[in-house]
């Protein structure tokens, strides 16, 4: 459930995109978004963003998935989904296309909403 819906009762498909992005980052990292205390960031989302900004996005990956060579683009997609501005988030159909096609050129994510 998106935070906007829980707090304000507002609903949009872009809020579902945000929730999907959180879920994707949780799967890729093997960690929950809440209760994450590996860095100065309060949540997994902040930690993922800090690594991404520093060009160290692969360090987010669960070691088991690193062995499976999950593309770096999956982290990019997760971060695109959680961007601060709802208008900057991709649609679910774009996400499916991006996850299913490694040759798609993705835009760089902007700072997430945290």
C-alpha atoms as a PDB file:
ATOM      1  CA  UNK A   1       0.000   0.000   0.000  1.00  0.00           C
ATOM      2  CA  UNK A   2       1.404   3.367  -0.922  1.00  0.00           C
ATOM      3  CA  UNK A   3       2.114   5.929   1.758  1.00  0.00           C
ATOM      4  CA  UNK A   4      -0.052   8.576   0.033  1.00  0.00           C
ATOM      5  CA  UNK A   5      -3.024   6.233   0.046  1.00  0.00           C
ATOM      6  CA  UNK A   6      -2.491   5.237   3.666  1.00  0.00           C
ATOM      7  CA  UNK A   7      -2.058   8.812   4.914  1.00  0.00           C
ATOM      8  CA  UNK A   8      -4.338  10.823   2.653  1.00  0.00           C
ATOM      9  CA  UNK A   9      -6.653   8.337   0.954  1.00  0.00           C
ATOM     10  CA  UNK A  10      -5.351   9.462  -2.449  1.00  0.00           C
ATOM     11  CA  UNK A  11      -4.925   6.822  -5.128  1.00  0.00           C
ATOM     12  CA  UNK A  12      -3.013   6.773  -8.402  1.00  0.00           C
ATOM     13  CA  UNK A  13      -1.426   4.042 -10.497  1.00  0.00           C
ATOM     14  CA  UNK A  14       1.859   5.918 -10.017  1.00  0.00           C
ATOM     15  CA  UNK A  15       1.585   5.165  -6.288  1.00  0.00           C
ATOM     16  CA  UNK A  16       1.498   1.480  -7.186  1.00  0.00           C
ATOM     17  CA  UNK A  17       4.662   2.082  -9.209  1.00  0.00           C
ATOM     18  CA  UNK A  18       6.326   3.488  -6.070  1.00  0.00           C
ATOM     19  CA  UNK A  19       5.334   0.402  -4.085  1.00  0.00           C
ATOM     20  CA  UNK A  20       6.636  -1.842  -6.852  1.00  0.00           C
ATOM     21  CA  UNK A  21       9.957   0.018  -6.797  1.00  0.00           C
ATOM     22  CA  UNK A  22      10.312  -0.543  -3.045  1.00  0.00           C
ATOM     23  CA  UNK A  23       9.480  -4.224  -3.494  1.00  0.00           C
ATOM     24  CA  UNK A  24      11.995  -4.584  -6.337  1.00  0.00           C
ATOM     25  CA  UNK A  25      14.764  -2.982  -4.261  1.00  0.00           C
ATOM     26  CA  UNK A  26      13.888  -5.243  -1.314  1.00  0.00           C
ATOM     27  CA  UNK A  27      14.126  -8.326  -3.527  1.00  0.00           C
ATOM     28  CA  UNK A  28      17.404  -7.230  -5.114  1.00  0.00           C
ATOM     29  CA  UNK A  29      19.012  -6.416  -1.772  1.00  0.00           C
ATOM     30  CA  UNK A  30      17.456  -9.174   0.330  1.00  0.00           C
ATOM     31  CA  UNK A  31      16.583  -6.544   2.946  1.00  0.00           C
ATOM     32  CA  UNK A  32      13.398  -4.862   4.132  1.00  0.00           C
ATOM     33  CA  UNK A  33      12.901  -1.148   3.573  1.00  0.00           C
ATOM     34  CA  UNK A  34      11.921  -0.553   7.190  1.00  0.00           C
ATOM     35  CA  UNK A  35      14.277  -1.443   9.973  1.00  0.00           C
ATOM     36  CA  UNK A  36      17.327  -1.087   7.732  1.00  0.00           C
ATOM     37  CA  UNK A  37      20.315   0.313   9.611  1.00  0.00           C
ATOM     38  CA  UNK A  38      23.366  -0.496   7.512  1.00  0.00           C
ATOM     39  CA  UNK A  39      24.370   3.124   6.940  1.00  0.00           C
ATOM     40  CA  UNK A  40      23.537   6.680   7.970  1.00  0.00           C
ATOM     41  CA  UNK A  41      20.417   6.322   5.831  1.00  0.00           C
ATOM     42  CA  UNK A  42      17.312   5.511   7.810  1.00  0.00           C
ATOM     43  CA  UNK A  43      15.860   3.194   5.197  1.00  0.00           C
ATOM     44  CA  UNK A  44      16.917   0.867   2.420  1.00  0.00           C
ATOM     45  CA  UNK A  45      15.758   3.436  -0.128  1.00  0.00           C
ATOM     46  CA  UNK A  46      18.236   6.040   1.124  1.00  0.00           C
ATOM     47  CA  UNK A  47      21.020   3.482   1.202  1.00  0.00           C
ATOM     48  CA  UNK A  48      20.261   2.373  -2.369  1.00  0.00           C
ATOM     49  CA  UNK A  49      20.235   5.980  -3.541  1.00  0.00           C
ATOM     50  CA  UNK A  50      23.560   6.758  -1.821  1.00  0.00           C
ATOM     51  CA  UNK A  51      25.206   3.734  -3.475  1.00  0.00           C
ATOM     52  CA  UNK A  52      23.715   4.652  -6.863  1.00  0.00           C
ATOM     53  CA  UNK A  53      24.961   8.263  -6.676  1.00  0.00           C
ATOM     54  CA  UNK A  54      28.458   7.008  -5.884  1.00  0.00           C
ATOM     55  CA  UNK A  55      28.416   4.559  -8.820  1.00  0.00           C
ATOM     56  CA  UNK A  56      28.375   1.569  -6.474  1.00  0.00           C
ATOM     57  CA  UNK A  57      24.850   0.294  -7.157  1.00  0.00           C
ATOM     58  CA  UNK A  58      26.011  -3.324  -7.456  1.00  0.00           C
ATOM     59  CA  UNK A  59      26.907  -3.283  -3.748  1.00  0.00           C
ATOM     60  CA  UNK A  60      23.181  -3.218  -3.010  1.00  0.00           C
ATOM     61  CA  UNK A  61      22.699  -6.659  -4.524  1.00  0.00           C
ATOM     62  CA  UNK A  62      22.035  -9.745  -2.442  1.00  0.00           C
ATOM     63  CA  UNK A  63      25.172 -11.902  -2.922  1.00  0.00           C
ATOM     64  CA  UNK A  64      23.132 -14.811  -4.296  1.00  0.00           C
ATOM     65  CA  UNK A  65      21.720 -12.555  -7.012  1.00  0.00           C
ATOM     66  CA  UNK A  66      25.150 -11.180  -7.883  1.00  0.00           C
ATOM     67  CA  UNK A  67      26.090 -14.709  -8.893  1.00  0.00           C
ATOM     68  CA  UNK A  68      23.030 -14.847 -11.153  1.00  0.00           C
ATOM     69  CA  UNK A  69      24.210 -11.678 -12.920  1.00  0.00           C
ATOM     70  CA  UNK A  70      21.029  -9.716 -12.380  1.00  0.00           C
ATOM     71  CA  UNK A  71      21.497  -6.664 -14.567  1.00  0.00           C
ATOM     72  CA  UNK A  72      22.365  -3.337 -12.972  1.00  0.00           C
ATOM     73  CA  UNK A  73      19.390  -1.992 -14.874  1.00  0.00           C
ATOM     74  CA  UNK A  74      17.057  -3.671 -12.365  1.00  0.00           C
ATOM     75  CA  UNK A  75      18.383  -1.347  -9.654  1.00  0.00           C
ATOM     76  CA  UNK A  76      17.914   1.563 -12.059  1.00  0.00           C
ATOM     77  CA  UNK A  77      14.285   0.531 -12.650  1.00  0.00           C
ATOM     78  CA  UNK A  78      13.676   0.250  -8.897  1.00  0.00           C
ATOM     79  CA  UNK A  79      15.039   3.749  -8.352  1.00  0.00           C
ATOM     80  CA  UNK A  80      13.042   5.159 -11.294  1.00  0.00           C
ATOM     81  CA  UNK A  81       9.893   3.832  -9.621  1.00  0.00           C
ATOM     82  CA  UNK A  82      10.536   5.638  -6.337  1.00  0.00           C
ATOM     83  CA  UNK A  83      11.415   9.086  -7.654  1.00  0.00           C
ATOM     84  CA  UNK A  84      10.089  12.021  -5.630  1.00  0.00           C
ATOM     85  CA  UNK A  85       7.868  13.376  -8.402  1.00  0.00           C
ATOM     86  CA  UNK A  86       4.980  11.149  -9.417  1.00  0.00           C
ATOM     87  CA  UNK A  87       5.264  12.507 -12.967  1.00  0.00           C
ATOM     88  CA  UNK A  88       8.855  11.248 -13.242  1.00  0.00           C
ATOM     89  CA  UNK A  89       7.915   7.653 -12.417  1.00  0.00           C
ATOM     90  CA  UNK A  90       7.482   5.213 -15.327  1.00  0.00           C
ATOM     91  CA  UNK A  91       4.206   3.444 -16.048  1.00  0.00           C
ATOM     92  CA  UNK A  92       3.890  -0.247 -15.226  1.00  0.00           C
ATOM     93  CA  UNK A  93       3.908  -1.090 -18.942  1.00  0.00           C
ATOM     94  CA  UNK A  94       7.213   0.799 -19.290  1.00  0.00           C
ATOM     95  CA  UNK A  95       8.596  -1.098 -16.304  1.00  0.00           C
ATOM     96  CA  UNK A  96       7.696  -4.468 -17.797  1.00  0.00           C
ATOM     97  CA  UNK A  97       9.350  -3.445 -21.048  1.00  0.00           C
ATOM     98  CA  UNK A  98      12.468  -2.211 -19.264  1.00  0.00           C
ATOM     99  CA  UNK A  99      12.833  -5.338 -17.121  1.00  0.00           C
ATOM    100  CA  UNK A 100      12.296  -7.649 -20.072  1.00  0.00           C
ATOM    101  CA  UNK A 101      14.677  -5.937 -22.486  1.00  0.00           C
ATOM    102  CA  UNK A 102      18.310  -5.415 -21.503  1.00  0.00           C
ATOM    103  CA  UNK A 103      18.980  -3.252 -24.570  1.00  0.00           C
ATOM    104  CA  UNK A 104      16.557  -0.506 -23.469  1.00  0.00           C
ATOM    105  CA  UNK A 105      18.327   2.763 -22.685  1.00  0.00           C
ATOM    106  CA  UNK A 106      17.067   3.912 -19.287  1.00  0.00           C
ATOM    107  CA  UNK A 107      17.102   7.434 -17.977  1.00  0.00           C
ATOM    108  CA  UNK A 108      18.995   8.187 -14.792  1.00  0.00           C
ATOM    109  CA  UNK A 109      16.815   8.232 -11.710  1.00  0.00           C
ATOM    110  CA  UNK A 110      16.267  11.405  -9.744  1.00  0.00           C
ATOM    111  CA  UNK A 111      16.329  11.543  -5.966  1.00  0.00           C
ATOM    112  CA  UNK A 112      13.767   9.211  -4.395  1.00  0.00           C
ATOM    113  CA  UNK A 113      10.976  10.213  -2.068  1.00  0.00           C
ATOM    114  CA  UNK A 114      12.275   9.504   1.418  1.00  0.00           C
END
